[in-house]
Amino acid sequence: MKLFNIIWCILFIIFAGLQYNDPDPYVWMPIYLYGATCCALAARGKFYRKAYIAGIIVYICYAVYKFFDQNGVLDWATKHHGENIAETMKASQPWIEETREFFGLFILIAVLAINYIYAGRKKAGR
């Protein structure tokens, strides 16, 4: 778990840095840095289950919004037929940016959930 959390901590810091040129870095930098902080603490053996739950709840709510937003994932999948969102780094269409943000949230939720489960098992002595 230590290596898992070190890798994700580094990746989330990189993701946060890449948000600098984003239209809304004040939203996304803290989102990724929260994940990085949780992973950094977990890498040191400090698991905070309540912090994982708080992050998961907030990120799920935001992901649901991103999914159903006017230019969200549902729009990308239905109206734009799942157009390639990774072709270039520049998000030339709004649904590309929204879909990428959704998948960023999905990754954060998955990492926090893995840490939550691991922390529960560790607490139970498994």
Protein backbone atom coordinates (compact mmCIF):
# COMPACT_ATOMS: atom_id res chain seq x y z
CA MET A 1 0.00 0.00 0.00
CA LYS A 2 2.89 2.32 0.66
CA LEU A 3 4.09 2.22 -2.96
CA PHE A 4 0.50 2.57 -4.24
CA ASN A 5 0.03 5.73 -2.19
CA ILE A 6 3.42 7.21 -3.08
CA ILE A 7 2.69 6.77 -6.79
CA TRP A 8 -0.79 8.30 -6.52
CA CYS A 9 0.47 11.14 -4.34
CA ILE A 10 3.02 12.07 -7.01
CA LEU A 11 0.47 11.71 -9.81
CA PHE A 12 -2.10 13.87 -8.00
CA ILE A 13 0.52 16.57 -7.43
CA ILE A 14 1.35 16.47 -11.14
CA PHE A 15 -2.37 16.61 -12.00
CA ALA A 16 -2.77 19.62 -9.71
CA GLY A 17 0.18 21.35 -11.39
CA LEU A 18 -1.31 20.73 -14.82
CA GLN A 19 -4.45 22.58 -13.71
CA TYR A 20 -2.51 25.86 -13.55
CA ASN A 21 -3.52 26.74 -17.12
CA ASP A 22 -7.06 25.42 -16.68
CA PRO A 23 -10.01 27.86 -16.81
CA ASP A 24 -10.81 27.00 -13.16
CA PRO A 25 -7.56 26.06 -11.38
CA TYR A 26 -8.93 27.34 -8.05
CA VAL A 27 -11.39 24.42 -8.14
CA TRP A 28 -9.22 21.64 -9.52
CA MET A 29 -5.91 22.26 -7.80
CA PRO A 30 -7.43 21.78 -4.31
CA ILE A 31 -9.37 18.74 -5.52
CA TYR A 32 -6.20 16.97 -6.64
CA LEU A 33 -4.13 18.23 -3.71
CA TYR A 34 -6.70 16.78 -1.29
CA GLY A 35 -6.17 13.39 -2.91
CA ALA A 36 -2.40 13.88 -2.81
CA THR A 37 -2.54 14.75 0.89
CA CYS A 38 -4.64 11.68 1.70
CA CYS A 39 -2.20 9.48 -0.20
CA ALA A 40 0.86 11.10 1.42
CA LEU A 41 -0.58 10.46 4.87
CA ALA A 42 -1.52 6.88 3.95
CA ALA A 43 2.01 6.28 2.65
CA ARG A 44 3.22 7.21 6.13
CA GLY A 45 0.79 4.72 7.67
CA LYS A 46 -1.81 7.28 8.72
CA PHE A 47 -5.25 6.39 7.46
CA TYR A 48 -8.16 8.76 8.08
CA ARG A 49 -11.34 6.97 7.10
CA LYS A 50 -13.53 10.03 7.73
CA ALA A 51 -11.37 12.08 5.35
CA TYR A 52 -11.77 9.41 2.67
CA ILE A 53 -15.54 9.34 3.13
CA ALA A 54 -15.76 13.14 2.98
CA GLY A 55 -13.71 13.22 -0.21
CA ILE A 56 -15.65 10.38 -1.79
CA ILE A 57 -19.00 12.02 -1.04
CA VAL A 58 -17.94 15.42 -2.40
CA TYR A 59 -16.33 13.90 -5.48
CA ILE A 60 -19.32 11.65 -6.22
CA CYS A 61 -21.66 14.64 -6.02
CA TYR A 62 -19.44 16.64 -8.36
CA ALA A 63 -19.04 13.65 -10.71
CA VAL A 64 -22.83 13.25 -10.94
CA TYR A 65 -23.06 16.93 -11.84
CA LYS A 66 -20.32 16.50 -14.48
CA PHE A 67 -22.12 13.46 -15.87
CA PHE A 68 -25.47 15.18 -16.38
CA ASP A 69 -24.21 18.71 -17.11
CA GLN A 70 -25.24 20.25 -20.44
CA ASN A 71 -21.77 19.51 -21.85
CA GLY A 72 -21.07 16.55 -19.58
CA VAL A 73 -20.29 12.91 -20.08
CA LEU A 74 -23.81 11.98 -21.14
CA ASP A 75 -23.71 14.69 -23.81
CA TRP A 76 -20.27 13.48 -24.96
CA ALA A 77 -21.44 9.86 -25.18
CA THR A 78 -24.78 10.49 -26.90
CA LYS A 79 -24.47 13.61 -29.04
CA HIS A 80 -20.78 13.31 -29.87
CA HIS A 81 -20.63 9.51 -30.03
CA GLY A 82 -17.76 9.15 -27.57
CA GLU A 83 -15.40 11.32 -29.59
CA ASN A 84 -11.73 10.90 -28.67
CA ILE A 85 -11.05 13.12 -25.64
CA ALA A 86 -7.32 12.37 -25.50
CA GLU A 87 -6.36 13.27 -29.06
CA THR A 88 -4.77 16.58 -28.05
CA MET A 89 -4.06 18.27 -24.74
CA LYS A 90 -6.17 21.27 -25.75
CA ALA A 91 -9.84 20.86 -24.93
CA SER A 92 -11.29 22.42 -28.07
CA GLN A 93 -14.90 21.57 -27.15
CA PRO A 94 -16.62 21.99 -23.77
CA TRP A 95 -17.69 18.35 -23.53
CA ILE A 96 -14.04 17.28 -23.77
CA GLU A 97 -13.09 19.32 -20.69
CA GLU A 98 -16.15 18.17 -18.73
CA THR A 99 -15.57 14.51 -19.60
CA ARG A 100 -11.90 14.67 -18.65
CA GLU A 101 -12.84 16.27 -15.35
CA PHE A 102 -15.37 13.50 -14.71
CA PHE A 103 -12.74 10.81 -15.22
CA GLY A 104 -10.32 12.70 -12.96
CA LEU A 105 -12.96 12.58 -10.24
CA PHE A 106 -13.51 8.88 -10.95
CA ILE A 107 -9.80 8.20 -10.38
CA LEU A 108 -9.82 10.17 -7.13
CA ILE A 109 -12.89 8.31 -5.90
CA ALA A 110 -11.30 4.95 -6.72
CA VAL A 111 -8.03 5.76 -4.92
CA LEU A 112 -9.81 7.10 -1.84
CA ALA A 113 -12.12 4.07 -1.79
CA ILE A 114 -9.16 1.68 -1.95
CA ASN A 115 -7.54 3.48 0.97
CA TYR A 116 -10.83 3.45 2.90
CA ILE A 117 -11.21 -0.31 2.43
CA TYR A 118 -7.58 -0.95 3.33
CA ALA A 119 -7.86 1.22 6.44
CA GLY A 120 -10.96 -0.72 7.52
CA ARG A 121 -9.21 -4.03 7.08
CA LYS A 122 -6.13 -2.78 8.90
CA LYS A 123 -8.27 -1.57 11.79
CA ALA A 124 -10.05 -4.92 11.94
CA GLY A 125 -6.67 -6.65 12.10
CA ARG A 126 -6.92 -8.51 8.79
